[in-house]
C-alpha cells in the first residue's frame, strides 16, 4: 500500500516528517524534515497512513531523540539499501534504526529477506504486532 516512509515529529511546535529520500525528489540526497502538509501533498501521494507503535513513554522519548539525532547527522540517501551502513539510509531503514535504538531491540520491527539480502520494507513498519493505524487515506483520483 505504501512506497515511502518517514517519522512524524514536532519541531518548534509544528508537525514535520523526517525522511530519507533521494533522486529527483531530493537532489542533495540528504535526509529531509518537511512539514506534514508538504509530505502529504495530494498531487504526490495517493495513499497515506499514520501508524503509532506500542512504546512506553520512555521509549517514545528515546525514539524522538534518536530520530532527531539521526536527522542532524545529515545522512545521505542509501540507494544500495544496505543496512550495515549508518552514514547512508533509505526511508524505512531510518525508521527501523531509530526504533531499534529506542527499544534496544533489533527484532522489534521485522526485516524482509530476498535472495539472502535483508532489508526493511514499508510493510515491516505497519504489519507487525507493535503497530496500529491512527489514520489512513486513499485517494480515488486514479480510479
C-alpha atoms as a PDB file:
ATOM      1  CA  UNK A   1       0.000   0.000   0.000  1.00  0.00           C
ATOM      2  CA  UNK A   2       2.913   2.381   0.635  1.00  0.00           C
ATOM      3  CA  UNK A   3       6.180   3.103  -1.146  1.00  0.00           C
ATOM      4  CA  UNK A   4       7.778   5.629   1.212  1.00  0.00           C
ATOM      5  CA  UNK A   5       8.048   6.173   4.959  1.00  0.00           C
ATOM      6  CA  UNK A   6       9.142   8.753   7.465  1.00  0.00           C
ATOM      7  CA  UNK A   7       8.723   9.678  11.094  1.00  0.00           C
ATOM      8  CA  UNK A   8       6.319  12.324  12.339  1.00  0.00           C
ATOM      9  CA  UNK A   9       7.874  14.628  14.968  1.00  0.00           C
ATOM     10  CA  UNK A  10       7.226  18.064  16.381  1.00  0.00           C
ATOM     11  CA  UNK A  11       9.868  20.636  15.535  1.00  0.00           C
ATOM     12  CA  UNK A  12       9.382  24.101  17.036  1.00  0.00           C
ATOM     13  CA  UNK A  13       5.737  23.237  17.721  1.00  0.00           C
ATOM     14  CA  UNK A  14       4.945  22.159  14.142  1.00  0.00           C
ATOM     15  CA  UNK A  15       4.420  18.627  12.816  1.00  0.00           C
ATOM     16  CA  UNK A  16       7.189  17.590  10.444  1.00  0.00           C
ATOM     17  CA  UNK A  17       8.120  14.333   8.752  1.00  0.00           C
ATOM     18  CA  UNK A  18      11.741  13.262   8.936  1.00  0.00           C
ATOM     19  CA  UNK A  19      12.519  11.072   5.945  1.00  0.00           C
ATOM     20  CA  UNK A  20      15.307   9.834   3.716  1.00  0.00           C
ATOM     21  CA  UNK A  21      14.750  10.304   0.008  1.00  0.00           C
ATOM     22  CA  UNK A  22      16.999  10.825  -2.976  1.00  0.00           C
ATOM     23  CA  UNK A  23      16.887  11.307  -6.710  1.00  0.00           C
ATOM     24  CA  UNK A  24      14.707  13.900  -8.438  1.00  0.00           C
ATOM     25  CA  UNK A  25      12.665  14.475  -5.294  1.00  0.00           C
ATOM     26  CA  UNK A  26      15.763  15.489  -3.319  1.00  0.00           C
ATOM     27  CA  UNK A  27      18.867  16.245  -5.414  1.00  0.00           C
ATOM     28  CA  UNK A  28      21.005  16.810  -2.279  1.00  0.00           C
ATOM     29  CA  UNK A  29      20.329  13.180  -1.238  1.00  0.00           C
ATOM     30  CA  UNK A  30      20.413  14.379   2.402  1.00  0.00           C
ATOM     31  CA  UNK A  31      17.699  13.459   4.875  1.00  0.00           C
ATOM     32  CA  UNK A  32      14.790  15.925   4.971  1.00  0.00           C
ATOM     33  CA  UNK A  33      12.473  17.440   7.570  1.00  0.00           C
ATOM     34  CA  UNK A  34       9.304  18.548   5.800  1.00  0.00           C
ATOM     35  CA  UNK A  35       6.068  19.964   7.152  1.00  0.00           C
ATOM     36  CA  UNK A  36       3.388  17.270   7.290  1.00  0.00           C
ATOM     37  CA  UNK A  37       1.238  19.108   4.730  1.00  0.00           C
ATOM     38  CA  UNK A  38       4.139  19.117   2.254  1.00  0.00           C
ATOM     39  CA  UNK A  39       4.958  15.443   2.825  1.00  0.00           C
ATOM     40  CA  UNK A  40       1.294  14.506   2.284  1.00  0.00           C
ATOM     41  CA  UNK A  41       0.612  16.683  -0.789  1.00  0.00           C
ATOM     42  CA  UNK A  42      -2.331  15.287  -2.734  1.00  0.00           C
ATOM     43  CA  UNK A  43      -0.506  15.756  -6.051  1.00  0.00           C
ATOM     44  CA  UNK A  44       2.271  13.496  -4.773  1.00  0.00           C
ATOM     45  CA  UNK A  45       0.600  10.928  -2.510  1.00  0.00           C
ATOM     46  CA  UNK A  46      -2.385   8.781  -3.381  1.00  0.00           C
ATOM     47  CA  UNK A  47      -2.424   6.918  -0.064  1.00  0.00           C
ATOM     48  CA  UNK A  48      -1.265   7.952   3.387  1.00  0.00           C
ATOM     49  CA  UNK A  49      -1.075   6.037   6.634  1.00  0.00           C
ATOM     50  CA  UNK A  50      -0.075   7.186  10.085  1.00  0.00           C
ATOM     51  CA  UNK A  51       0.961   4.359  12.360  1.00  0.00           C
ATOM     52  CA  UNK A  52       1.689   4.521  16.065  1.00  0.00           C
ATOM     53  CA  UNK A  53       3.976   1.946  17.627  1.00  0.00           C
ATOM     54  CA  UNK A  54       3.202   0.499  21.053  1.00  0.00           C
ATOM     55  CA  UNK A  55       6.059   2.007  23.048  1.00  0.00           C
ATOM     56  CA  UNK A  56       6.455   3.011  26.654  1.00  0.00           C
ATOM     57  CA  UNK A  57       6.678   6.725  27.474  1.00  0.00           C
ATOM     58  CA  UNK A  58      10.438   6.336  27.983  1.00  0.00           C
ATOM     59  CA  UNK A  59      10.815   4.554  24.628  1.00  0.00           C
ATOM     60  CA  UNK A  60       8.781   7.281  22.867  1.00  0.00           C
ATOM     61  CA  UNK A  61      11.134   9.931  24.267  1.00  0.00           C
ATOM     62  CA  UNK A  62      14.167   7.898  23.184  1.00  0.00           C
ATOM     63  CA  UNK A  63      12.631   7.439  19.722  1.00  0.00           C
ATOM     64  CA  UNK A  64      12.174  11.171  19.206  1.00  0.00           C
ATOM     65  CA  UNK A  65      15.704  11.901  20.399  1.00  0.00           C
ATOM     66  CA  UNK A  66      17.136   9.121  18.238  1.00  0.00           C
ATOM     67  CA  UNK A  67      15.238  10.253  15.132  1.00  0.00           C
ATOM     68  CA  UNK A  68      16.336  13.866  15.584  1.00  0.00           C
ATOM     69  CA  UNK A  69      19.962  12.805  16.201  1.00  0.00           C
ATOM     70  CA  UNK A  70      19.968  10.724  13.035  1.00  0.00           C
ATOM     71  CA  UNK A  71      18.447  13.628  11.106  1.00  0.00           C
ATOM     72  CA  UNK A  72      21.037  16.079  12.462  1.00  0.00           C
ATOM     73  CA  UNK A  73      23.860  13.723  11.421  1.00  0.00           C
ATOM     74  CA  UNK A  74      22.690  14.510   7.840  1.00  0.00           C
ATOM     75  CA  UNK A  75      22.961  11.039   6.313  1.00  0.00           C
ATOM     76  CA  UNK A  76      22.843  10.634   2.561  1.00  0.00           C
ATOM     77  CA  UNK A  77      20.203   8.508   0.840  1.00  0.00           C
ATOM     78  CA  UNK A  78      21.226   4.847   0.611  1.00  0.00           C
ATOM     79  CA  UNK A  79      20.464   3.731  -2.934  1.00  0.00           C
ATOM     80  CA  UNK A  80      22.163   0.387  -2.186  1.00  0.00           C
ATOM     81  CA  UNK A  81      19.635  -0.415   0.585  1.00  0.00           C
ATOM     82  CA  UNK A  82      22.490  -1.572   2.828  1.00  0.00           C
ATOM     83  CA  UNK A  83      21.523  -1.999   6.481  1.00  0.00           C
ATOM     84  CA  UNK A  84      25.178  -2.199   7.562  1.00  0.00           C
ATOM     85  CA  UNK A  85      25.945   1.489   6.953  1.00  0.00           C
ATOM     86  CA  UNK A  86      24.754   4.377   9.116  1.00  0.00           C
ATOM     87  CA  UNK A  87      26.034   7.282   7.014  1.00  0.00           C
ATOM     88  CA  UNK A  88      23.581   6.359   4.244  1.00  0.00           C
ATOM     89  CA  UNK A  89      19.953   5.472   4.959  1.00  0.00           C
ATOM     90  CA  UNK A  90      16.855   4.686   2.947  1.00  0.00           C
ATOM     91  CA  UNK A  91      13.451   5.728   4.258  1.00  0.00           C
ATOM     92  CA  UNK A  92      12.382   2.594   6.086  1.00  0.00           C
ATOM     93  CA  UNK A  93      15.917   1.919   7.301  1.00  0.00           C
ATOM     94  CA  UNK A  94      15.864   5.300   9.057  1.00  0.00           C
ATOM     95  CA  UNK A  95      12.662   4.381  10.909  1.00  0.00           C
ATOM     96  CA  UNK A  96      13.953   0.885  11.697  1.00  0.00           C
ATOM     97  CA  UNK A  97      17.244   2.169  13.119  1.00  0.00           C
ATOM     98  CA  UNK A  98      15.598   4.896  15.195  1.00  0.00           C
ATOM     99  CA  UNK A  99      13.114   2.374  16.633  1.00  0.00           C
ATOM    100  CA  UNK A 100      15.870  -0.187  17.274  1.00  0.00           C
ATOM    101  CA  UNK A 101      17.899   2.417  19.180  1.00  0.00           C
ATOM    102  CA  UNK A 102      14.874   3.496  21.212  1.00  0.00           C
ATOM    103  CA  UNK A 103      13.775  -0.011  22.150  1.00  0.00           C
ATOM    104  CA  UNK A 104      17.196  -1.657  22.329  1.00  0.00           C
ATOM    105  CA  UNK A 105      15.681  -4.462  20.239  1.00  0.00           C
ATOM    106  CA  UNK A 106      16.779  -5.016  16.619  1.00  0.00           C
ATOM    107  CA  UNK A 107      13.915  -7.501  16.224  1.00  0.00           C
ATOM    108  CA  UNK A 108      11.181  -5.086  17.403  1.00  0.00           C
ATOM    109  CA  UNK A 109      10.408  -4.420  13.739  1.00  0.00           C
ATOM    110  CA  UNK A 110      10.785  -7.366  11.364  1.00  0.00           C
ATOM    111  CA  UNK A 111      13.044  -7.453   8.314  1.00  0.00           C
ATOM    112  CA  UNK A 112      12.337  -8.897   4.893  1.00  0.00           C
ATOM    113  CA  UNK A 113      14.908 -11.147   3.220  1.00  0.00           C
ATOM    114  CA  UNK A 114      15.072 -11.795  -0.504  1.00  0.00           C
ATOM    115  CA  UNK A 115      17.902 -13.799  -2.068  1.00  0.00           C
ATOM    116  CA  UNK A 116      19.868 -13.550   1.182  1.00  0.00           C
ATOM    117  CA  UNK A 117      19.601  -9.731   1.315  1.00  0.00           C
ATOM    118  CA  UNK A 118      17.831  -8.357   4.417  1.00  0.00           C
ATOM    119  CA  UNK A 119      16.083  -5.004   4.150  1.00  0.00           C
ATOM    120  CA  UNK A 120      13.243  -3.051   5.743  1.00  0.00           C
ATOM    121  CA  UNK A 121      10.108  -2.942   3.593  1.00  0.00           C
ATOM    122  CA  UNK A 122       7.310  -0.453   4.215  1.00  0.00           C
ATOM    123  CA  UNK A 123       5.088  -3.370   5.228  1.00  0.00           C
ATOM    124  CA  UNK A 124       7.526  -4.241   8.036  1.00  0.00           C
ATOM    125  CA  UNK A 125       6.721  -0.911   9.687  1.00  0.00           C
ATOM    126  CA  UNK A 126       2.976  -1.399   9.946  1.00  0.00           C
ATOM    127  CA  UNK A 127       2.254  -5.123   9.552  1.00  0.00           C
ATOM    128  CA  UNK A 128       3.595  -6.179  12.919  1.00  0.00           C
ATOM    129  CA  UNK A 129       2.107  -6.667  16.396  1.00  0.00           C
ATOM    130  CA  UNK A 130       3.576  -3.371  17.690  1.00  0.00           C
ATOM    131  CA  UNK A 131       1.814  -1.147  15.141  1.00  0.00           C
ATOM    132  CA  UNK A 132      -1.661   0.306  14.888  1.00  0.00           C
ATOM    133  CA  UNK A 133      -3.100   2.721  12.375  1.00  0.00           C
ATOM    134  CA  UNK A 134      -4.261   6.048  13.749  1.00  0.00           C
ATOM    135  CA  UNK A 135      -5.092   7.495  10.317  1.00  0.00           C
ATOM    136  CA  UNK A 136      -5.262   6.315   6.726  1.00  0.00           C
ATOM    137  CA  UNK A 137      -6.371   7.870   3.469  1.00  0.00           C
ATOM    138  CA  UNK A 138      -6.640   6.554  -0.068  1.00  0.00           C
ATOM    139  CA  UNK A 139      -7.347   8.919  -2.956  1.00  0.00           C
ATOM    140  CA  UNK A 140      -9.817   7.902  -5.618  1.00  0.00           C
ATOM    141  CA  UNK A 141      -8.109  10.062  -8.256  1.00  0.00           C
ATOM    142  CA  UNK A 142      -6.553   7.036 -10.003  1.00  0.00           C
ATOM    143  CA  UNK A 143      -9.779   5.070 -10.178  1.00  0.00           C
END
